[in-house]
């Protein structure tokens, strides 16, 4: 009887470890804005290219993960991104460091980033 309890406990712990150790890929949503000196306010930066990069720690090179273009509201998406640290490059000039963290997919469809301010 004791062996059966240990066997059940072993399978339960193995199942839990396997379930929680699997990498989670996240969809990312963000918005990029820029300052318009004529309107003297921040406006959506539309139709701009955004590139998602990861730093290769071994040789310090940049690995391109994905590219996208912002819509008319300055909003953009990156899909199926593994958890980790990344950089978003806007318009081939300005870099923003982001951390992609696990989310509760039963509550959220994507990870929403703070607004990126391009100057």
C-alpha atoms as a PDB file:
ATOM      1  CA  UNK A   1       0.000   0.000   0.000  1.00  0.00           C
ATOM      2  CA  UNK A   2       2.856   2.341   0.864  1.00  0.00           C
ATOM      3  CA  UNK A   3       4.485   1.681  -2.518  1.00  0.00           C
ATOM      4  CA  UNK A   4       1.277   2.616  -4.356  1.00  0.00           C
ATOM      5  CA  UNK A   5       1.087   5.939  -2.522  1.00  0.00           C
ATOM      6  CA  UNK A   6       4.730   6.671  -3.371  1.00  0.00           C
ATOM      7  CA  UNK A   7       4.125   5.725  -7.000  1.00  0.00           C
ATOM      8  CA  UNK A   8       1.077   8.019  -7.262  1.00  0.00           C
ATOM      9  CA  UNK A   9       2.999  10.829  -5.562  1.00  0.00           C
ATOM     10  CA  UNK A  10       5.941  10.338  -7.951  1.00  0.00           C
ATOM     11  CA  UNK A  11       3.701  10.579 -11.045  1.00  0.00           C
ATOM     12  CA  UNK A  12       1.891  13.628  -9.670  1.00  0.00           C
ATOM     13  CA  UNK A  13       5.148  15.486  -8.968  1.00  0.00           C
ATOM     14  CA  UNK A  14       6.555  14.488 -12.376  1.00  0.00           C
ATOM     15  CA  UNK A  15       3.410  15.790 -14.101  1.00  0.00           C
ATOM     16  CA  UNK A  16       3.567  19.113 -12.219  1.00  0.00           C
ATOM     17  CA  UNK A  17       7.260  19.641 -12.972  1.00  0.00           C
ATOM     18  CA  UNK A  18       6.754  18.860 -16.644  1.00  0.00           C
ATOM     19  CA  UNK A  19       3.744  21.169 -16.929  1.00  0.00           C
ATOM     20  CA  UNK A  20       5.405  24.176 -15.265  1.00  0.00           C
ATOM     21  CA  UNK A  21       8.818  23.750 -16.889  1.00  0.00           C
ATOM     22  CA  UNK A  22       7.550  24.079 -20.455  1.00  0.00           C
ATOM     23  CA  UNK A  23       8.481  27.364 -22.098  1.00  0.00           C
ATOM     24  CA  UNK A  24       5.609  29.745 -22.632  1.00  0.00           C
ATOM     25  CA  UNK A  25       5.448  31.841 -25.799  1.00  0.00           C
ATOM     26  CA  UNK A  26       3.764  35.212 -25.501  1.00  0.00           C
ATOM     27  CA  UNK A  27       2.068  37.603 -27.910  1.00  0.00           C
ATOM     28  CA  UNK A  28       3.169  41.204 -27.352  1.00  0.00           C
ATOM     29  CA  UNK A  29       1.136  44.350 -27.993  1.00  0.00           C
ATOM     30  CA  UNK A  30       2.541  47.856 -27.848  1.00  0.00           C
ATOM     31  CA  UNK A  31       2.222  51.388 -29.116  1.00  0.00           C
ATOM     32  CA  UNK A  32       4.867  53.790 -30.327  1.00  0.00           C
ATOM     33  CA  UNK A  33       4.400  57.567 -30.274  1.00  0.00           C
ATOM     34  CA  UNK A  34       6.518  60.530 -31.344  1.00  0.00           C
ATOM     35  CA  UNK A  35       6.517  64.210 -30.544  1.00  0.00           C
ATOM     36  CA  UNK A  36       5.007  66.407 -33.251  1.00  0.00           C
ATOM     37  CA  UNK A  37       6.578  69.855 -32.940  1.00  0.00           C
ATOM     38  CA  UNK A  38       3.822  71.500 -35.020  1.00  0.00           C
ATOM     39  CA  UNK A  39       1.015  70.123 -32.856  1.00  0.00           C
ATOM     40  CA  UNK A  40       3.214  70.352 -29.738  1.00  0.00           C
ATOM     41  CA  UNK A  41       2.013  66.961 -28.533  1.00  0.00           C
ATOM     42  CA  UNK A  42       2.706  63.254 -28.791  1.00  0.00           C
ATOM     43  CA  UNK A  43       1.030  61.533 -31.735  1.00  0.00           C
ATOM     44  CA  UNK A  44       0.920  57.888 -32.850  1.00  0.00           C
ATOM     45  CA  UNK A  45       3.975  56.913 -34.897  1.00  0.00           C
ATOM     46  CA  UNK A  46       2.244  55.058 -37.711  1.00  0.00           C
ATOM     47  CA  UNK A  47       3.694  52.935 -40.490  1.00  0.00           C
ATOM     48  CA  UNK A  48       7.061  52.646 -38.749  1.00  0.00           C
ATOM     49  CA  UNK A  49       9.176  49.487 -38.791  1.00  0.00           C
ATOM     50  CA  UNK A  50       9.857  47.811 -35.463  1.00  0.00           C
ATOM     51  CA  UNK A  51      12.361  44.983 -35.076  1.00  0.00           C
ATOM     52  CA  UNK A  52      12.587  42.596 -32.124  1.00  0.00           C
ATOM     53  CA  UNK A  53      16.144  41.535 -31.251  1.00  0.00           C
ATOM     54  CA  UNK A  54      17.732  39.258 -28.689  1.00  0.00           C
ATOM     55  CA  UNK A  55      21.335  39.687 -27.583  1.00  0.00           C
ATOM     56  CA  UNK A  56      23.554  36.646 -28.083  1.00  0.00           C
ATOM     57  CA  UNK A  57      25.499  36.630 -24.818  1.00  0.00           C
ATOM     58  CA  UNK A  58      28.316  34.462 -26.208  1.00  0.00           C
ATOM     59  CA  UNK A  59      29.556  36.771 -28.950  1.00  0.00           C
ATOM     60  CA  UNK A  60      27.522  39.944 -28.163  1.00  0.00           C
ATOM     61  CA  UNK A  61      25.827  39.874 -31.574  1.00  0.00           C
ATOM     62  CA  UNK A  62      22.184  40.775 -32.200  1.00  0.00           C
ATOM     63  CA  UNK A  63      19.762  38.067 -33.310  1.00  0.00           C
ATOM     64  CA  UNK A  64      16.730  39.296 -35.249  1.00  0.00           C
ATOM     65  CA  UNK A  65      13.613  37.562 -33.919  1.00  0.00           C
ATOM     66  CA  UNK A  66      10.822  39.349 -35.791  1.00  0.00           C
ATOM     67  CA  UNK A  67       9.813  42.532 -37.629  1.00  0.00           C
ATOM     68  CA  UNK A  68       6.486  44.337 -37.811  1.00  0.00           C
ATOM     69  CA  UNK A  69       4.997  47.673 -38.873  1.00  0.00           C
ATOM     70  CA  UNK A  70       2.856  49.868 -36.646  1.00  0.00           C
ATOM     71  CA  UNK A  71      -0.727  50.624 -37.691  1.00  0.00           C
ATOM     72  CA  UNK A  72      -2.389  54.056 -38.013  1.00  0.00           C
ATOM     73  CA  UNK A  73      -2.686  54.258 -34.192  1.00  0.00           C
ATOM     74  CA  UNK A  74       0.992  53.436 -33.683  1.00  0.00           C
ATOM     75  CA  UNK A  75       0.044  49.998 -32.347  1.00  0.00           C
ATOM     76  CA  UNK A  76       2.089  46.908 -33.140  1.00  0.00           C
ATOM     77  CA  UNK A  77       2.189  43.201 -32.331  1.00  0.00           C
ATOM     78  CA  UNK A  78       4.863  40.548 -32.075  1.00  0.00           C
ATOM     79  CA  UNK A  79       3.531  36.992 -31.966  1.00  0.00           C
ATOM     80  CA  UNK A  80       4.737  33.802 -30.308  1.00  0.00           C
ATOM     81  CA  UNK A  81       7.753  35.283 -28.490  1.00  0.00           C
ATOM     82  CA  UNK A  82       9.525  33.073 -25.934  1.00  0.00           C
ATOM     83  CA  UNK A  83       9.948  34.431 -22.404  1.00  0.00           C
ATOM     84  CA  UNK A  84      13.185  36.419 -22.055  1.00  0.00           C
ATOM     85  CA  UNK A  85      14.938  39.757 -22.458  1.00  0.00           C
ATOM     86  CA  UNK A  86      14.680  41.573 -25.807  1.00  0.00           C
ATOM     87  CA  UNK A  87      15.260  44.901 -27.512  1.00  0.00           C
ATOM     88  CA  UNK A  88      12.787  46.614 -29.817  1.00  0.00           C
ATOM     89  CA  UNK A  89      14.410  48.812 -32.430  1.00  0.00           C
ATOM     90  CA  UNK A  90      12.219  51.580 -33.828  1.00  0.00           C
ATOM     91  CA  UNK A  91      12.932  53.025 -37.269  1.00  0.00           C
ATOM     92  CA  UNK A  92      16.463  51.518 -37.230  1.00  0.00           C
ATOM     93  CA  UNK A  93      17.502  54.155 -34.688  1.00  0.00           C
ATOM     94  CA  UNK A  94      16.156  53.923 -31.134  1.00  0.00           C
ATOM     95  CA  UNK A  95      16.271  50.792 -28.968  1.00  0.00           C
ATOM     96  CA  UNK A  96      13.945  49.913 -26.095  1.00  0.00           C
ATOM     97  CA  UNK A  97      14.778  47.110 -23.664  1.00  0.00           C
ATOM     98  CA  UNK A  98      11.830  44.890 -22.715  1.00  0.00           C
ATOM     99  CA  UNK A  99      11.300  41.778 -20.617  1.00  0.00           C
ATOM    100  CA  UNK A 100       8.828  39.216 -21.883  1.00  0.00           C
ATOM    101  CA  UNK A 101       7.380  37.521 -18.817  1.00  0.00           C
ATOM    102  CA  UNK A 102       4.956  34.616 -18.421  1.00  0.00           C
ATOM    103  CA  UNK A 103       1.295  35.633 -18.305  1.00  0.00           C
ATOM    104  CA  UNK A 104      -1.912  33.896 -17.305  1.00  0.00           C
ATOM    105  CA  UNK A 105      -3.328  33.066 -20.749  1.00  0.00           C
ATOM    106  CA  UNK A 106      -6.702  32.275 -19.216  1.00  0.00           C
ATOM    107  CA  UNK A 107      -6.995  35.973 -18.278  1.00  0.00           C
ATOM    108  CA  UNK A 108      -4.890  37.800 -20.882  1.00  0.00           C
ATOM    109  CA  UNK A 109      -4.496  37.381 -24.637  1.00  0.00           C
ATOM    110  CA  UNK A 110      -1.172  39.218 -24.809  1.00  0.00           C
ATOM    111  CA  UNK A 111       1.491  41.076 -22.845  1.00  0.00           C
ATOM    112  CA  UNK A 112       0.881  44.815 -23.155  1.00  0.00           C
ATOM    113  CA  UNK A 113       3.979  46.990 -23.123  1.00  0.00           C
ATOM    114  CA  UNK A 114       4.227  50.552 -21.826  1.00  0.00           C
ATOM    115  CA  UNK A 115       4.026  53.177 -24.579  1.00  0.00           C
ATOM    116  CA  UNK A 116       7.331  53.561 -26.431  1.00  0.00           C
ATOM    117  CA  UNK A 117       8.235  57.246 -26.844  1.00  0.00           C
ATOM    118  CA  UNK A 118      10.299  57.888 -29.950  1.00  0.00           C
ATOM    119  CA  UNK A 119      12.186  61.194 -30.069  1.00  0.00           C
END
